[in-house]
C-alpha atoms as a PDB file:
ATOM      1  CA  MET A   1       6.915  23.146  -3.195  1.00  0.00           C
ATOM      2  CA  PRO A   2       5.191  25.285  -5.856  1.00  0.00           C
ATOM      3  CA  HIS A   3       1.687  24.656  -7.090  1.00  0.00           C
ATOM      4  CA  ILE A   4       1.589  22.321 -10.097  1.00  0.00           C
ATOM      5  CA  GLY A   5      -1.033  23.528 -12.562  1.00  0.00           C
ATOM      6  CA  SER A   6      -3.017  21.589 -15.135  1.00  0.00           C
ATOM      7  CA  ASP A   7      -0.896  22.887 -18.025  1.00  0.00           C
ATOM      8  CA  GLU A   8       2.228  21.540 -16.348  1.00  0.00           C
ATOM      9  CA  LEU A   9       0.543  18.173 -15.821  1.00  0.00           C
ATOM     10  CA  VAL A  10      -0.403  18.030 -19.503  1.00  0.00           C
ATOM     11  CA  ARG A  11       3.207  18.842 -20.442  1.00  0.00           C
ATOM     12  CA  ARG A  12       4.529  16.105 -18.161  1.00  0.00           C
ATOM     13  CA  ASN A  13       1.993  13.650 -19.537  1.00  0.00           C
ATOM     14  CA  ALA A  14       3.047  14.411 -23.104  1.00  0.00           C
ATOM     15  CA  ALA A  15       6.658  13.612 -22.153  1.00  0.00           C
ATOM     16  CA  PHE A  16       5.473  10.340 -20.585  1.00  0.00           C
ATOM     17  CA  ALA A  17       3.321   9.429 -23.590  1.00  0.00           C
ATOM     18  CA  ALA A  18       6.280  10.046 -25.909  1.00  0.00           C
ATOM     19  CA  THR A  19       8.222   7.256 -24.160  1.00  0.00           C
ATOM     20  CA  GLY A  20       5.648   4.617 -25.149  1.00  0.00           C
ATOM     21  CA  ALA A  21       6.337   2.829 -21.833  1.00  0.00           C
ATOM     22  CA  PHE A  22       2.632   2.096 -21.435  1.00  0.00           C
ATOM     23  CA  ALA A  23       2.164   0.382 -24.806  1.00  0.00           C
ATOM     24  CA  GLY A  24       1.124  -3.256 -24.709  1.00  0.00           C
ATOM     25  CA  LEU A  25       1.054  -3.671 -20.954  1.00  0.00           C
ATOM     26  CA  PRO A  26      -1.330  -6.465 -19.969  1.00  0.00           C
ATOM     27  CA  PHE A  27      -4.134  -5.992 -17.480  1.00  0.00           C
ATOM     28  CA  PRO A  28      -2.884  -7.024 -14.027  1.00  0.00           C
ATOM     29  CA  ALA A  29      -3.170 -10.755 -13.490  1.00  0.00           C
ATOM     30  CA  SER A  30      -4.040 -12.439 -10.217  1.00  0.00           C
ATOM     31  CA  ASP A  31      -0.364 -13.220  -9.616  1.00  0.00           C
ATOM     32  CA  THR A  32       0.826  -9.623 -10.107  1.00  0.00           C
ATOM     33  CA  LEU A  33       2.738  -8.019  -7.241  1.00  0.00           C
ATOM     34  CA  GLN A  34       0.376  -5.998  -5.080  1.00  0.00           C
ATOM     35  CA  VAL A  35       1.495  -3.223  -2.755  1.00  0.00           C
ATOM     36  CA  LEU A  36      -0.453  -1.424  -0.048  1.00  0.00           C
ATOM     37  CA  GLY A  37       1.201   1.856   0.899  1.00  0.00           C
ATOM     38  CA  CYS A  38       0.551   5.238   2.432  1.00  0.00           C
ATOM     39  CA  VAL A  39      -0.828   8.310   0.655  1.00  0.00           C
ATOM     40  CA  ASP A  40       2.121  10.405   1.908  1.00  0.00           C
ATOM     41  CA  SER A  41       3.600  12.202  -1.120  1.00  0.00           C
ATOM     42  CA  ARG A  42       7.128  11.471   0.160  1.00  0.00           C
ATOM     43  CA  VAL A  43       6.505   7.741  -0.085  1.00  0.00           C
ATOM     44  CA  ASP A  44       5.343   6.727  -3.551  1.00  0.00           C
ATOM     45  CA  PRO A  45       5.479   2.912  -3.299  1.00  0.00           C
ATOM     46  CA  GLY A  46       6.288   2.469  -6.984  1.00  0.00           C
ATOM     47  CA  ASP A  47       9.298   4.752  -6.687  1.00  0.00           C
ATOM     48  CA  VAL A  48      10.441   3.509  -3.277  1.00  0.00           C
ATOM     49  CA  LEU A  49      10.381  -0.110  -4.476  1.00  0.00           C
ATOM     50  CA  GLY A  50      11.742   0.643  -7.944  1.00  0.00           C
ATOM     51  CA  LEU A  51       8.711  -0.740  -9.765  1.00  0.00           C
ATOM     52  CA  GLU A  52       8.376  -0.331 -13.504  1.00  0.00           C
ATOM     53  CA  LEU A  53       5.010   0.579 -15.014  1.00  0.00           C
ATOM     54  CA  GLY A  54       2.850  -2.550 -15.107  1.00  0.00           C
ATOM     55  CA  GLU A  55       5.042  -4.452 -12.662  1.00  0.00           C
ATOM     56  CA  GLY A  56       2.705  -4.119  -9.699  1.00  0.00           C
ATOM     57  CA  VAL A  57      -0.667  -2.902  -8.524  1.00  0.00           C
ATOM     58  CA  VAL A  58      -0.358  -0.187  -5.884  1.00  0.00           C
ATOM     59  CA  MET A  59      -3.168   0.758  -3.521  1.00  0.00           C
ATOM     60  CA  ARG A  60      -2.725   3.631  -1.101  1.00  0.00           C
ATOM     61  CA  ASN A  61      -4.587   4.780   1.983  1.00  0.00           C
ATOM     62  CA  ILE A  62      -3.779   6.705   5.149  1.00  0.00           C
ATOM     63  CA  GLY A  63      -0.887   4.903   6.814  1.00  0.00           C
ATOM     64  CA  GLY A  64      -0.852   2.086   4.238  1.00  0.00           C
ATOM     65  CA  ARG A  65      -3.043   0.167   6.656  1.00  0.00           C
ATOM     66  CA  VAL A  66      -4.907  -3.075   6.152  1.00  0.00           C
ATOM     67  CA  THR A  67      -8.480  -2.027   6.818  1.00  0.00           C
ATOM     68  CA  PRO A  68     -11.756  -3.741   5.977  1.00  0.00           C
ATOM     69  CA  ALA A  69     -12.079  -1.305   3.040  1.00  0.00           C
ATOM     70  CA  ALA A  70      -8.617  -2.272   1.732  1.00  0.00           C
ATOM     71  CA  LEU A  71      -9.489  -5.966   2.006  1.00  0.00           C
ATOM     72  CA  ARG A  72     -12.736  -5.381   0.114  1.00  0.00           C
ATOM     73  CA  SER A  73     -10.818  -3.552  -2.611  1.00  0.00           C
ATOM     74  CA  TRP A  74      -8.302  -6.405  -2.940  1.00  0.00           C
ATOM     75  CA  ALA A  75     -11.200  -8.872  -3.223  1.00  0.00           C
ATOM     76  CA  LEU A  76     -12.748  -6.817  -6.030  1.00  0.00           C
ATOM     77  CA  LEU A  77      -9.392  -6.504  -7.763  1.00  0.00           C
ATOM     78  CA  GLY A  78      -9.081 -10.277  -7.599  1.00  0.00           C
ATOM     79  CA  ARG A  79     -12.293 -10.599  -9.577  1.00  0.00           C
ATOM     80  CA  LEU A  80     -10.705  -8.578 -12.374  1.00  0.00           C
ATOM     81  CA  GLY A  81      -7.573 -10.713 -12.612  1.00  0.00           C
ATOM     82  CA  ARG A  82      -8.878 -13.715 -14.565  1.00  0.00           C
ATOM     83  CA  GLY A  83     -11.639 -14.102 -11.999  1.00  0.00           C
ATOM     84  CA  GLN A  84      -9.281 -15.957  -9.672  1.00  0.00           C
ATOM     85  CA  PRO A  85      -8.405 -14.899  -6.148  1.00  0.00           C
ATOM     86  CA  PRO A  86      -5.075 -13.066  -6.096  1.00  0.00           C
ATOM     87  CA  SER A  87      -2.223 -15.517  -5.628  1.00  0.00           C
ATOM     88  CA  GLY A  88       0.868 -13.301  -5.888  1.00  0.00           C
ATOM     89  CA  HIS A  89       2.819 -11.358  -3.329  1.00  0.00           C
ATOM     90  CA  LEU A  90       1.125  -8.658  -1.245  1.00  0.00           C
ATOM     91  CA  VAL A  91       3.591  -6.150   0.195  1.00  0.00           C
ATOM     92  CA  ILE A  92       2.433  -3.942   3.031  1.00  0.00           C
ATOM     93  CA  LEU A  93       4.618  -0.832   3.109  1.00  0.00           C
ATOM     94  CA  HIS A  94       4.564   1.439   6.149  1.00  0.00           C
ATOM     95  CA  HIS A  95       6.996   4.280   6.815  1.00  0.00           C
ATOM     96  CA  THR A  96       8.610   6.332   9.540  1.00  0.00           C
ATOM     97  CA  ASP A  97       7.319   9.818  10.374  1.00  0.00           C
ATOM     98  CA  CYS A  98       3.840   8.890   9.145  1.00  0.00           C
ATOM     99  CA  GLY A  99       1.088  11.461   9.494  1.00  0.00           C
ATOM    100  CA  ILE A 100      -1.301   8.812  10.812  1.00  0.00           C
ATOM    101  CA  THR A 101       0.418   9.262  14.189  1.00  0.00           C
ATOM    102  CA  ARG A 102      -1.020  12.789  14.365  1.00  0.00           C
ATOM    103  CA  LEU A 103      -4.527  11.438  13.858  1.00  0.00           C
ATOM    104  CA  THR A 104      -4.572   9.951  17.353  1.00  0.00           C
ATOM    105  CA  ASP A 105      -5.995  13.340  18.373  1.00  0.00           C
ATOM    106  CA  TYR A 106      -9.126  12.288  16.424  1.00  0.00           C
ATOM    107  CA  PRO A 107      -9.903   8.855  17.873  1.00  0.00           C
ATOM    108  CA  GLU A 108     -13.476   8.640  16.593  1.00  0.00           C
ATOM    109  CA  GLN A 109     -12.452   9.316  12.978  1.00  0.00           C
ATOM    110  CA  LEU A 110      -9.453   7.010  13.239  1.00  0.00           C
ATOM    111  CA  ALA A 111     -11.617   4.253  14.715  1.00  0.00           C
ATOM    112  CA  ALA A 112     -14.107   4.693  11.861  1.00  0.00           C
ATOM    113  CA  PHE A 113     -11.231   4.345   9.365  1.00  0.00           C
ATOM    114  CA  PHE A 114     -10.318   0.989  10.930  1.00  0.00           C
ATOM    115  CA  GLU A 115     -14.019   0.103  11.441  1.00  0.00           C
ATOM    116  CA  ILE A 116     -13.435  -0.641  15.123  1.00  0.00           C
ATOM    117  CA  PRO A 117     -14.586   0.933  18.411  1.00  0.00           C
ATOM    118  CA  ALA A 118     -12.374   3.822  19.575  1.00  0.00           C
ATOM    119  CA  GLY A 119     -11.460   1.822  22.674  1.00  0.00           C
ATOM    120  CA  GLU A 120      -9.645  -0.717  20.474  1.00  0.00           C
ATOM    121  CA  LEU A 121      -7.310   1.773  18.739  1.00  0.00           C
ATOM    122  CA  ASP A 122      -4.326   0.642  20.823  1.00  0.00           C
ATOM    123  CA  SER A 123      -4.529  -2.714  19.021  1.00  0.00           C
ATOM    124  CA  LYS A 124      -3.526  -0.931  15.785  1.00  0.00           C
ATOM    125  CA  ALA A 125      -0.170   0.416  17.088  1.00  0.00           C
ATOM    126  CA  VAL A 126      -0.731   3.646  15.157  1.00  0.00           C
ATOM    127  CA  ALA A 127       2.350   5.349  16.636  1.00  0.00           C
ATOM    128  CA  ASP A 128       4.776   2.512  15.746  1.00  0.00           C
ATOM    129  CA  PRO A 129       5.165   1.612  12.050  1.00  0.00           C
ATOM    130  CA  TYR A 130       7.243  -1.488  12.894  1.00  0.00           C
ATOM    131  CA  ALA A 131       4.585  -2.961  15.178  1.00  0.00           C
ATOM    132  CA  ALA A 132       1.783  -1.746  12.887  1.00  0.00           C
ATOM    133  CA  VAL A 133       3.182  -3.510   9.816  1.00  0.00           C
ATOM    134  CA  ARG A 134       3.392  -6.791  11.766  1.00  0.00           C
ATOM    135  CA  ILE A 135      -0.223  -6.353  12.864  1.00  0.00           C
ATOM    136  CA  ASP A 136      -1.365  -5.613   9.312  1.00  0.00           C
ATOM    137  CA  ALA A 137       0.581  -8.520   7.809  1.00  0.00           C
ATOM    138  CA  ALA A 138      -1.077 -10.867  10.308  1.00  0.00           C
ATOM    139  CA  ILE A 139      -4.529  -9.479   9.452  1.00  0.00           C
ATOM    140  CA  ALA A 140      -3.849  -9.883   5.730  1.00  0.00           C
ATOM    141  CA  ARG A 141      -2.616 -13.467   6.149  1.00  0.00           C
ATOM    142  CA  GLN A 142      -5.744 -14.341   8.102  1.00  0.00           C
ATOM    143  CA  ALA A 143      -8.176 -12.594   5.738  1.00  0.00           C
ATOM    144  CA  LEU A 144      -6.706 -13.506   2.345  1.00  0.00           C
ATOM    145  CA  PRO A 145      -6.937 -16.883   0.625  1.00  0.00           C
ATOM    146  CA  PRO A 146      -4.289 -19.472   1.512  1.00  0.00           C
ATOM    147  CA  GLY A 147      -1.180 -19.404  -0.633  1.00  0.00           C
ATOM    148  CA  ARG A 148      -0.789 -15.627  -0.711  1.00  0.00           C
ATOM    149  CA  LEU A 149       2.668 -14.346   0.090  1.00  0.00           C
ATOM    150  CA  VAL A 150       2.351 -11.392   2.471  1.00  0.00           C
ATOM    151  CA  SER A 151       5.259  -9.358   3.727  1.00  0.00           C
ATOM    152  CA  GLY A 152       5.591  -6.222   5.821  1.00  0.00           C
ATOM    153  CA  LEU A 153       8.180  -3.554   5.046  1.00  0.00           C
ATOM    154  CA  VAL A 154       9.003  -0.208   6.636  1.00  0.00           C
ATOM    155  CA  TYR A 155      10.493   2.652   4.630  1.00  0.00           C
ATOM    156  CA  ASP A 156      12.697   5.090   6.517  1.00  0.00           C
ATOM    157  CA  VAL A 157      11.986   8.592   5.188  1.00  0.00           C
ATOM    158  CA  ALA A 158      15.348   9.840   6.530  1.00  0.00           C
ATOM    159  CA  THR A 159      17.557   7.264   4.767  1.00  0.00           C
ATOM    160  CA  GLY A 160      15.391   6.201   1.818  1.00  0.00           C
ATOM    161  CA  LEU A 161      15.892   2.538   2.729  1.00  0.00           C
ATOM    162  CA  ILE A 162      13.336  -0.168   3.405  1.00  0.00           C
ATOM    163  CA  ALA A 163      13.606  -2.926   5.984  1.00  0.00           C
ATOM    164  CA  ILE A 164      11.827  -6.269   5.880  1.00  0.00           C
ATOM    165  CA  ILE A 165      10.031  -6.384   9.208  1.00  0.00           C
ATOM    166  CA  ASP A 166       7.707  -9.328   8.540  1.00  0.00           C
ATOM    167  CA  PRO A 167       9.054 -11.557   5.749  1.00  0.00           C
ATOM    168  CA  ALA A 168       6.804 -13.588   3.496  1.00  0.00           C
ATOM    169  CA  THR A 169       7.092 -17.285   4.255  1.00  0.00           C
ATOM    170  CA  GLY A 170       8.759 -19.197   1.454  1.00  0.00           C
ATOM    171  CA  GLU A 171      10.953 -16.251   0.355  1.00  0.00           C
END
């Protein structure tokens, strides 16, 4: 893929601004859809899930993993949404062929990312997005306030389809 320069980004932004799609969008409320996804450029959660601008809050990190840092960020975001804890649906989106699997060669850095001892990395199922999304959904359900819908999805980079691996209760 060719390098995208600043001039090209300004041109693309002007085309976006001309649509007016951003006009009048409210600040995200505590019940807004929230998505945690991976930083992989092939897997933009907004595109994969067909979200319109303003329809959801998307946070991304390596692997789309629920880490202590992600939980702290969600807590801060909750303070911005009417000062109430988030009450909407949190979607955890992992994907196949994730680069996080190649980070197992760097256990100390990976353990620091999860804020756990390196000896506990197996508990994160880094090599298996299906097991990992179940683990992360369970962590989120335990850490977040009661009443939050949490679901775990896996996007297949070969087919473009998502699968519900850990459904939100009440859906």
